[in-house]
Amino acid sequence: MGITKSFERKFLLGWGRHLWNIVGVSGFIAVLTGGVLFINSAILKTPKSFAQYLLQDIQKVRTEVENLEKELKDQAYLDQNDIALSSALRAKKINLLYDKQQQLRNVDQGYEQYKKKIERENDFKLGQRVISPFIAGYGLAVIASASVSTALLSIERNTRKD
């Protein structure tokens, strides 16, 4: 028995069907991936209205400002012994308080950034919608070629005369 016949009978016909079945499963996974991407791309986000965004953002920042102001008042009474440490901490907290108050004034810019972020995410999802049929089509082509190859190997095995 030659090396070619040995390879053909032991490897190609014996293991070939199993290898093509694995390729077929990978095609099925590609079809599922394309489907999931398409479904995910159909769900677009809508940005909150300015009033909703403003209310949520302002409430969060206002509570932070109130907490900082309360800490500054409490700390003034507690740290009278160590003046250098308390003044450094107070300066840091005052700077933080100033930054938070500036953040309250710049809410308009934050809303525009929020809207742009939502638009970018929606654009990305539209790109997924364009690509998902190609991924699913690739999976279907892989399944078809694996099926044909497995069928040919089965026919070869069944019609072979030893």
N, C-alpha and C. Protein backbone atom coordinates (compact mmCIF):
# COMPACT_ATOMS: atom_id res chain seq x y z
N MET A 1 0.85 -1.17 0.00
CA MET A 1 0.00 0.00 0.00
C MET A 1 0.90 1.24 0.00
N GLY A 2 0.66 2.13 -0.97
CA GLY A 2 1.48 3.32 -1.11
C GLY A 2 1.13 4.37 -0.06
N ILE A 3 2.00 5.33 0.04
CA ILE A 3 1.80 6.40 1.03
C ILE A 3 0.54 7.22 0.70
N THR A 4 0.24 7.38 -0.58
CA THR A 4 -0.94 8.15 -0.97
C THR A 4 -2.23 7.43 -0.57
N LYS A 5 -2.28 6.13 -0.84
CA LYS A 5 -3.48 5.37 -0.47
C LYS A 5 -3.62 5.31 1.04
N SER A 6 -2.50 5.16 1.74
CA SER A 6 -2.55 5.12 3.20
C SER A 6 -3.09 6.43 3.76
N PHE A 7 -2.58 7.57 3.24
CA PHE A 7 -3.05 8.88 3.69
C PHE A 7 -4.54 9.04 3.39
N GLU A 8 -4.92 8.63 2.18
CA GLU A 8 -6.30 8.80 1.76
C GLU A 8 -7.27 7.98 2.61
N ARG A 9 -6.93 6.74 2.87
CA ARG A 9 -7.85 5.86 3.60
C ARG A 9 -7.83 6.12 5.10
N LYS A 10 -6.66 6.35 5.66
CA LYS A 10 -6.59 6.48 7.12
C LYS A 10 -6.93 7.90 7.60
N PHE A 11 -6.46 8.88 6.88
CA PHE A 11 -6.67 10.24 7.37
C PHE A 11 -7.83 10.93 6.66
N LEU A 12 -7.73 11.06 5.36
CA LEU A 12 -8.69 11.87 4.63
C LEU A 12 -10.11 11.34 4.75
N LEU A 13 -10.30 10.06 4.54
CA LEU A 13 -11.65 9.52 4.60
C LEU A 13 -12.10 9.29 6.04
N GLY A 14 -11.19 8.94 6.92
CA GLY A 14 -11.56 8.68 8.31
C GLY A 14 -11.81 9.94 9.11
N TRP A 15 -10.89 10.89 9.03
CA TRP A 15 -10.99 12.11 9.83
C TRP A 15 -11.56 13.30 9.06
N GLY A 16 -11.59 13.22 7.75
CA GLY A 16 -12.06 14.34 6.93
C GLY A 16 -13.48 14.75 7.24
N ARG A 17 -14.35 13.74 7.42
CA ARG A 17 -15.75 14.06 7.73
C ARG A 17 -15.87 14.80 9.06
N HIS A 18 -15.09 14.37 10.04
CA HIS A 18 -15.15 15.03 11.35
C HIS A 18 -14.61 16.45 11.29
N LEU A 19 -13.54 16.64 10.55
CA LEU A 19 -13.00 17.99 10.40
C LEU A 19 -13.99 18.92 9.70
N TRP A 20 -14.66 18.41 8.68
CA TRP A 20 -15.64 19.24 7.99
C TRP A 20 -16.85 19.51 8.86
N ASN A 21 -17.19 18.59 9.76
CA ASN A 21 -18.28 18.84 10.70
C ASN A 21 -17.91 19.98 11.66
N ILE A 22 -16.65 20.01 12.09
CA ILE A 22 -16.19 21.11 12.95
C ILE A 22 -16.26 22.43 12.19
N VAL A 23 -15.88 22.42 10.92
CA VAL A 23 -15.97 23.64 10.10
C VAL A 23 -17.43 24.07 9.98
N GLY A 24 -18.34 23.11 9.82
CA GLY A 24 -19.77 23.43 9.74
C GLY A 24 -20.29 24.07 11.01
N VAL A 25 -19.82 23.60 12.17
CA VAL A 25 -20.22 24.20 13.45
C VAL A 25 -19.71 25.63 13.54
N SER A 26 -18.48 25.87 13.06
CA SER A 26 -17.96 27.25 13.09
C SER A 26 -18.79 28.15 12.17
N GLY A 27 -19.30 27.61 11.06
CA GLY A 27 -20.19 28.38 10.20
C GLY A 27 -21.49 28.72 10.91
N PHE A 28 -22.01 27.76 11.68
CA PHE A 28 -23.24 28.01 12.45
C PHE A 28 -23.01 29.11 13.48
N ILE A 29 -21.84 29.09 14.12
CA ILE A 29 -21.50 30.14 15.09
C ILE A 29 -21.42 31.50 14.40
N ALA A 30 -20.88 31.53 13.17
CA ALA A 30 -20.81 32.79 12.42
C ALA A 30 -22.21 33.30 12.08
N VAL A 31 -23.12 32.39 11.73
CA VAL A 31 -24.50 32.80 11.43
C VAL A 31 -25.14 33.39 12.69
N LEU A 32 -24.94 32.73 13.84
CA LEU A 32 -25.50 33.26 15.09
C LEU A 32 -24.91 34.62 15.44
N THR A 33 -23.61 34.77 15.23
CA THR A 33 -22.95 36.06 15.52
C THR A 33 -23.54 37.17 14.64
N GLY A 34 -23.73 36.89 13.38
CA GLY A 34 -24.34 37.87 12.48
C GLY A 34 -25.75 38.24 12.92
N GLY A 35 -26.51 37.24 13.36
CA GLY A 35 -27.87 37.51 13.83
C GLY A 35 -27.89 38.36 15.09
N VAL A 36 -27.01 38.03 16.03
CA VAL A 36 -26.95 38.80 17.27
C VAL A 36 -26.52 40.24 16.99
N LEU A 37 -25.54 40.42 16.10
CA LEU A 37 -25.12 41.78 15.75
C LEU A 37 -26.27 42.56 15.11
N PHE A 38 -27.03 41.89 14.25
CA PHE A 38 -28.13 42.59 13.59
C PHE A 38 -29.20 43.00 14.59
N ILE A 39 -29.54 42.10 15.51
CA ILE A 39 -30.54 42.42 16.52
C ILE A 39 -30.05 43.54 17.43
N ASN A 40 -28.78 43.47 17.82
CA ASN A 40 -28.20 44.52 18.68
C ASN A 40 -28.19 45.87 17.97
N SER A 41 -27.95 45.85 16.66
CA SER A 41 -27.89 47.12 15.94
C SER A 41 -29.27 47.73 15.74
N ALA A 42 -30.32 46.94 15.90
CA ALA A 42 -31.68 47.47 15.73
C ALA A 42 -32.14 48.26 16.95
N ILE A 43 -31.45 48.11 18.06
CA ILE A 43 -31.83 48.79 19.30
C ILE A 43 -30.97 50.04 19.44
N LEU A 44 -31.51 51.17 19.03
CA LEU A 44 -30.78 52.44 19.10
C LEU A 44 -31.13 53.17 20.39
N LYS A 45 -30.15 53.90 20.92
CA LYS A 45 -30.38 54.70 22.11
C LYS A 45 -30.93 56.06 21.72
N THR A 46 -31.78 56.58 22.57
CA THR A 46 -32.25 57.95 22.39
C THR A 46 -31.74 58.77 23.57
N PRO A 47 -31.17 59.93 23.31
CA PRO A 47 -30.66 60.73 24.43
C PRO A 47 -31.81 61.29 25.28
N LYS A 48 -31.51 61.50 26.54
CA LYS A 48 -32.50 62.11 27.44
C LYS A 48 -32.73 63.55 27.01
N SER A 49 -33.85 64.07 27.41
CA SER A 49 -34.11 65.47 27.13
C SER A 49 -33.17 66.32 28.01
N PHE A 50 -33.02 67.56 27.62
CA PHE A 50 -32.12 68.44 28.37
C PHE A 50 -32.58 68.57 29.82
N ALA A 51 -33.89 68.63 30.01
CA ALA A 51 -34.41 68.78 31.38
C ALA A 51 -34.08 67.55 32.23
N GLN A 52 -34.24 66.35 31.68
CA GLN A 52 -33.91 65.14 32.43
C GLN A 52 -32.43 65.07 32.75
N TYR A 53 -31.61 65.36 31.72
CA TYR A 53 -30.16 65.33 31.91
C TYR A 53 -29.74 66.37 32.94
N LEU A 54 -30.29 67.55 32.81
CA LEU A 54 -29.96 68.65 33.71
C LEU A 54 -30.34 68.32 35.14
N LEU A 55 -31.53 67.78 35.32
CA LEU A 55 -32.01 67.45 36.65
C LEU A 55 -31.10 66.40 37.31
N GLN A 56 -30.78 65.37 36.58
CA GLN A 56 -29.94 64.31 37.14
C GLN A 56 -28.54 64.82 37.46
N ASP A 57 -27.95 65.55 36.52
CA ASP A 57 -26.58 66.04 36.72
C ASP A 57 -26.52 67.07 37.83
N ILE A 58 -27.45 67.98 37.85
CA ILE A 58 -27.44 69.03 38.88
C ILE A 58 -27.67 68.44 40.26
N GLN A 59 -28.57 67.50 40.38
CA GLN A 59 -28.81 66.89 41.70
C GLN A 59 -27.56 66.20 42.21
N LYS A 60 -26.86 65.50 41.35
CA LYS A 60 -25.64 64.80 41.76
C LYS A 60 -24.57 65.80 42.22
N VAL A 61 -24.37 66.83 41.43
CA VAL A 61 -23.32 67.81 41.76
C VAL A 61 -23.74 68.62 42.99
N ARG A 62 -25.00 68.96 43.11
CA ARG A 62 -25.45 69.74 44.28
C ARG A 62 -25.25 68.97 45.58
N THR A 63 -25.54 67.68 45.57
CA THR A 63 -25.30 66.89 46.79
C THR A 63 -23.82 66.84 47.12
N GLU A 64 -22.96 66.76 46.10
CA GLU A 64 -21.52 66.79 46.35
C GLU A 64 -21.10 68.14 46.94
N VAL A 65 -21.65 69.23 46.40
CA VAL A 65 -21.32 70.56 46.91
C VAL A 65 -21.79 70.71 48.36
N GLU A 66 -23.00 70.26 48.64
CA GLU A 66 -23.51 70.36 50.01
C GLU A 66 -22.66 69.54 50.98
N ASN A 67 -22.25 68.35 50.56
CA ASN A 67 -21.39 67.52 51.43
C ASN A 67 -20.04 68.19 51.68
N LEU A 68 -19.47 68.78 50.64
CA LEU A 68 -18.18 69.48 50.82
C LEU A 68 -18.32 70.68 51.74
N GLU A 69 -19.39 71.45 51.57
CA GLU A 69 -19.59 72.60 52.45
C GLU A 69 -19.77 72.16 53.90
N LYS A 70 -20.49 71.09 54.10
CA LYS A 70 -20.69 70.57 55.45
C LYS A 70 -19.37 70.09 56.05
N GLU A 71 -18.55 69.39 55.24
CA GLU A 71 -17.24 68.94 55.73
C GLU A 71 -16.35 70.12 56.09
N LEU A 72 -16.40 71.16 55.27
CA LEU A 72 -15.56 72.33 55.56
C LEU A 72 -15.97 73.00 56.87
N LYS A 73 -17.27 73.09 57.13
CA LYS A 73 -17.73 73.69 58.38
C LYS A 73 -17.35 72.83 59.58
N ASP A 74 -17.55 71.51 59.46
CA ASP A 74 -17.22 70.60 60.56
C ASP A 74 -15.72 70.58 60.82
N GLN A 75 -14.93 70.63 59.76
CA GLN A 75 -13.48 70.56 59.91
C GLN A 75 -12.92 71.83 60.56
N ALA A 76 -13.56 72.95 60.34
CA ALA A 76 -13.09 74.20 60.94
C ALA A 76 -13.13 74.11 62.46
N TYR A 77 -14.12 73.43 63.01
CA TYR A 77 -14.22 73.30 64.46
C TYR A 77 -13.31 72.21 65.01
N LEU A 78 -13.09 71.15 64.24
CA LEU A 78 -12.35 69.99 64.76
C LEU A 78 -10.83 70.19 64.73
N ASP A 79 -10.31 70.85 63.70
CA ASP A 79 -8.86 70.90 63.51
C ASP A 79 -8.24 72.24 63.92
N GLN A 80 -8.65 72.80 65.00
CA GLN A 80 -8.07 74.07 65.42
C GLN A 80 -6.66 73.90 65.99
N ASN A 81 -6.30 72.71 66.47
CA ASN A 81 -4.97 72.49 67.05
C ASN A 81 -3.90 72.42 65.98
N ASP A 82 -4.12 71.71 64.90
CA ASP A 82 -3.12 71.55 63.85
C ASP A 82 -3.49 72.47 62.68
N ILE A 83 -3.04 73.69 62.75
CA ILE A 83 -3.45 74.73 61.80
C ILE A 83 -2.88 74.47 60.41
N ALA A 84 -1.61 74.03 60.31
CA ALA A 84 -0.98 73.82 59.00
C ALA A 84 -1.69 72.71 58.24
N LEU A 85 -1.96 71.59 58.90
CA LEU A 85 -2.63 70.46 58.25
C LEU A 85 -4.05 70.83 57.87
N SER A 86 -4.75 71.49 58.76
CA SER A 86 -6.14 71.83 58.48
C SER A 86 -6.23 72.86 57.36
N SER A 87 -5.29 73.79 57.29
CA SER A 87 -5.36 74.79 56.22
C SER A 87 -5.07 74.15 54.86
N ALA A 88 -4.15 73.16 54.81
CA ALA A 88 -3.88 72.48 53.54
C ALA A 88 -5.09 71.66 53.09
N LEU A 89 -5.71 70.97 54.04
CA LEU A 89 -6.91 70.20 53.70
C LEU A 89 -8.06 71.11 53.29
N ARG A 90 -8.17 72.22 54.01
CA ARG A 90 -9.22 73.18 53.67
C ARG A 90 -9.02 73.75 52.28
N ALA A 91 -7.78 74.05 51.94
CA ALA A 91 -7.49 74.61 50.61
C ALA A 91 -7.85 73.60 49.52
N LYS A 92 -7.53 72.32 49.74
CA LYS A 92 -7.89 71.30 48.76
C LYS A 92 -9.40 71.18 48.61
N LYS A 93 -10.10 71.18 49.73
CA LYS A 93 -11.55 71.04 49.67
C LYS A 93 -12.21 72.28 49.07
N ILE A 94 -11.64 73.44 49.33
CA ILE A 94 -12.18 74.67 48.73
C ILE A 94 -11.99 74.63 47.21
N ASN A 95 -10.81 74.15 46.76
CA ASN A 95 -10.58 74.02 45.31
C ASN A 95 -11.56 73.02 44.69
N LEU A 96 -11.79 71.93 45.38
CA LEU A 96 -12.74 70.93 44.90
C LEU A 96 -14.15 71.52 44.85
N LEU A 97 -14.51 72.30 45.87
CA LEU A 97 -15.82 72.95 45.90
C LEU A 97 -15.95 73.93 44.73
N TYR A 98 -14.89 74.69 44.47
CA TYR A 98 -14.90 75.63 43.34
C TYR A 98 -15.09 74.88 42.02
N ASP A 99 -14.38 73.75 41.86
CA ASP A 99 -14.50 72.96 40.63
C ASP A 99 -15.93 72.44 40.45
N LYS A 100 -16.54 71.99 41.52
CA LYS A 100 -17.91 71.48 41.44
C LYS A 100 -18.89 72.61 41.08
N GLN A 101 -18.66 73.80 41.63
CA GLN A 101 -19.54 74.92 41.29
C GLN A 101 -19.36 75.32 39.82
N GLN A 102 -18.11 75.22 39.32
CA GLN A 102 -17.88 75.49 37.90
C GLN A 102 -18.58 74.44 37.04
N GLN A 103 -18.58 73.22 37.53
CA GLN A 103 -19.24 72.14 36.81
C GLN A 103 -20.74 72.41 36.71
N LEU A 104 -21.31 72.97 37.75
CA LEU A 104 -22.74 73.33 37.70
C LEU A 104 -22.99 74.39 36.62
N ARG A 105 -22.03 75.30 36.46
CA ARG A 105 -22.22 76.36 35.45
C ARG A 105 -22.04 75.84 34.03
N ASN A 106 -21.27 74.77 33.87
CA ASN A 106 -20.96 74.26 32.53
C ASN A 106 -21.79 73.04 32.14
N VAL A 107 -23.01 72.98 32.58
CA VAL A 107 -23.86 71.83 32.31
C VAL A 107 -24.21 71.76 30.81
N ASP A 108 -24.34 72.89 30.15
CA ASP A 108 -24.68 72.90 28.72
C ASP A 108 -23.65 72.14 27.90
N GLN A 109 -22.38 72.37 28.19
CA GLN A 109 -21.32 71.67 27.45
C GLN A 109 -21.37 70.18 27.73
N GLY A 110 -21.68 69.80 28.94
CA GLY A 110 -21.79 68.39 29.29
C GLY A 110 -22.92 67.71 28.54
N TYR A 111 -24.02 68.42 28.35
CA TYR A 111 -25.16 67.84 27.64
C TYR A 111 -24.80 67.62 26.16
N GLU A 112 -24.10 68.57 25.58
CA GLU A 112 -23.68 68.40 24.18
C GLU A 112 -22.73 67.21 24.04
N GLN A 113 -21.82 67.05 24.98
CA GLN A 113 -20.92 65.89 24.94
C GLN A 113 -21.71 64.59 25.10
N TYR A 114 -22.69 64.61 25.97
CA TYR A 114 -23.54 63.44 26.18
C TYR A 114 -24.28 63.07 24.89
N LYS A 115 -24.84 64.07 24.21
CA LYS A 115 -25.56 63.82 22.96
C LYS A 115 -24.62 63.28 21.89
N LYS A 116 -23.41 63.81 21.81
CA LYS A 116 -22.45 63.33 20.82
C LYS A 116 -22.04 61.89 21.10
N LYS A 117 -21.92 61.55 22.38
CA LYS A 117 -21.57 60.18 22.74
C LYS A 117 -22.66 59.21 22.30
N ILE A 118 -23.92 59.57 22.53
CA ILE A 118 -25.04 58.73 22.12
C ILE A 118 -25.07 58.61 20.59
N GLU A 119 -24.80 59.70 19.89
CA GLU A 119 -24.79 59.66 18.42
C GLU A 119 -23.68 58.75 17.91
N ARG A 120 -22.50 58.80 18.55
CA ARG A 120 -21.40 57.92 18.14
C ARG A 120 -21.77 56.45 18.35
N GLU A 121 -22.39 56.15 19.48
CA GLU A 121 -22.81 54.77 19.74
C GLU A 121 -23.84 54.31 18.71
N ASN A 122 -24.77 55.17 18.34
CA ASN A 122 -25.76 54.81 17.33
C ASN A 122 -25.13 54.63 15.95
N ASP A 123 -24.14 55.47 15.62
CA ASP A 123 -23.43 55.31 14.35
C ASP A 123 -22.69 53.98 14.31
N PHE A 124 -22.09 53.60 15.44
CA PHE A 124 -21.39 52.32 15.52
C PHE A 124 -22.38 51.17 15.32
N LYS A 125 -23.55 51.30 15.88
CA LYS A 125 -24.57 50.25 15.71
C LYS A 125 -25.04 50.18 14.26
N LEU A 126 -25.14 51.31 13.58
CA LEU A 126 -25.51 51.28 12.16
C LEU A 126 -24.43 50.57 11.35
N GLY A 127 -23.17 50.75 11.72
CA GLY A 127 -22.08 50.01 11.06
C GLY A 127 -22.21 48.51 11.30
N GLN A 128 -22.61 48.13 12.50
CA GLN A 128 -22.83 46.72 12.80
C GLN A 128 -23.97 46.17 11.93
N ARG A 129 -24.99 46.99 11.71
CA ARG A 129 -26.13 46.54 10.89
C ARG A 129 -25.70 46.28 9.46
N VAL A 130 -24.76 47.06 8.95
CA VAL A 130 -24.27 46.86 7.59
C VAL A 130 -23.42 45.59 7.51
N ILE A 131 -22.59 45.34 8.52
CA ILE A 131 -21.64 44.23 8.47
C ILE A 131 -22.29 42.89 8.84
N SER A 132 -23.31 42.90 9.66
CA SER A 132 -23.89 41.65 10.16
C SER A 132 -24.40 40.71 9.06
N PRO A 133 -25.03 41.19 7.98
CA PRO A 133 -25.44 40.24 6.92
C PRO A 133 -24.24 39.56 6.25
N PHE A 134 -23.12 40.27 6.14
CA PHE A 134 -21.94 39.65 5.55
C PHE A 134 -21.40 38.53 6.43
N ILE A 135 -21.42 38.75 7.73
CA ILE A 135 -20.96 37.71 8.67
C ILE A 135 -21.89 36.50 8.61
N ALA A 136 -23.19 36.74 8.60
CA ALA A 136 -24.15 35.64 8.51
C ALA A 136 -24.03 34.92 7.16
N GLY A 137 -23.84 35.67 6.09
CA GLY A 137 -23.65 35.07 4.76
C GLY A 137 -22.40 34.22 4.69
N TYR A 138 -21.33 34.70 5.31
CA TYR A 138 -20.10 33.91 5.39
C TYR A 138 -20.36 32.60 6.11
N GLY A 139 -21.09 32.67 7.22
CA GLY A 139 -21.42 31.45 7.97
C GLY A 139 -22.23 30.48 7.14
N LEU A 140 -23.21 31.00 6.38
CA LEU A 140 -24.01 30.13 5.52
C LEU A 140 -23.16 29.49 4.42
N ALA A 141 -22.23 30.24 3.85
CA ALA A 141 -21.34 29.69 2.83
C ALA A 141 -20.45 28.60 3.42
N VAL A 142 -19.96 28.80 4.63
CA VAL A 142 -19.13 27.79 5.29
C VAL A 142 -19.94 26.54 5.56
N ILE A 143 -21.17 26.70 6.01
CA ILE A 143 -22.03 25.54 6.27
C ILE A 143 -22.29 24.79 4.97
N ALA A 144 -22.56 25.51 3.88
CA ALA A 144 -22.84 24.86 2.59
C ALA A 144 -21.61 24.09 2.10
N SER A 145 -20.44 24.71 2.15
CA SER A 145 -19.24 24.02 1.66
C SER A 145 -18.88 22.83 2.55
N ALA A 146 -19.08 22.95 3.85
CA ALA A 146 -18.81 21.84 4.75
C ALA A 146 -19.79 20.69 4.49
N SER A 147 -21.04 21.02 4.22
CA SER A 147 -22.03 19.99 3.93
C SER A 147 -21.69 19.24 2.65
N VAL A 148 -21.32 19.98 1.61
CA VAL A 148 -20.96 19.36 0.33
C VAL A 148 -19.73 18.47 0.50
N SER A 149 -18.73 18.97 1.19
CA SER A 149 -17.50 18.18 1.39
C SER A 149 -17.78 16.93 2.20
N THR A 150 -18.58 17.03 3.24
CA THR A 150 -18.91 15.86 4.05
C THR A 150 -19.71 14.86 3.23
N ALA A 151 -20.64 15.35 2.42
CA ALA A 151 -21.42 14.44 1.58
C ALA A 151 -20.54 13.73 0.56
N LEU A 152 -19.62 14.45 -0.06
CA LEU A 152 -18.71 13.83 -1.03
C LEU A 152 -17.82 12.78 -0.37
N LEU A 153 -17.32 13.10 0.82
CA LEU A 153 -16.49 12.11 1.51
C LEU A 153 -17.31 10.89 1.91
N SER A 154 -18.56 11.05 2.27
CA SER A 154 -19.42 9.92 2.62
C SER A 154 -19.71 9.06 1.40
N ILE A 155 -20.00 9.72 0.27
CA ILE A 155 -20.25 8.97 -0.96
C ILE A 155 -18.99 8.19 -1.36
N GLU A 156 -17.85 8.83 -1.27
CA GLU A 156 -16.57 8.17 -1.60
C GLU A 156 -16.35 6.95 -0.72
N ARG A 157 -16.62 7.12 0.55
CA ARG A 157 -16.40 6.02 1.49
C ARG A 157 -17.36 4.86 1.22
N ASN A 158 -18.61 5.20 0.92
CA ASN A 158 -19.61 4.16 0.73
C ASN A 158 -19.50 3.45 -0.62
N THR A 159 -18.98 4.10 -1.64
CA THR A 159 -18.87 3.49 -2.96
C THR A 159 -17.50 2.91 -3.23
N ARG A 160 -16.59 3.04 -2.33
CA ARG A 160 -15.22 2.56 -2.52
C ARG A 160 -15.22 1.03 -2.47
N LYS A 161 -14.45 0.44 -3.36
CA LYS A 161 -14.29 -1.01 -3.37
C LYS A 161 -12.87 -1.32 -2.93
N ASP A 162 -12.74 -2.05 -1.88
CA ASP A 162 -11.39 -2.38 -1.39
C ASP A 162 -10.85 -3.61 -2.03
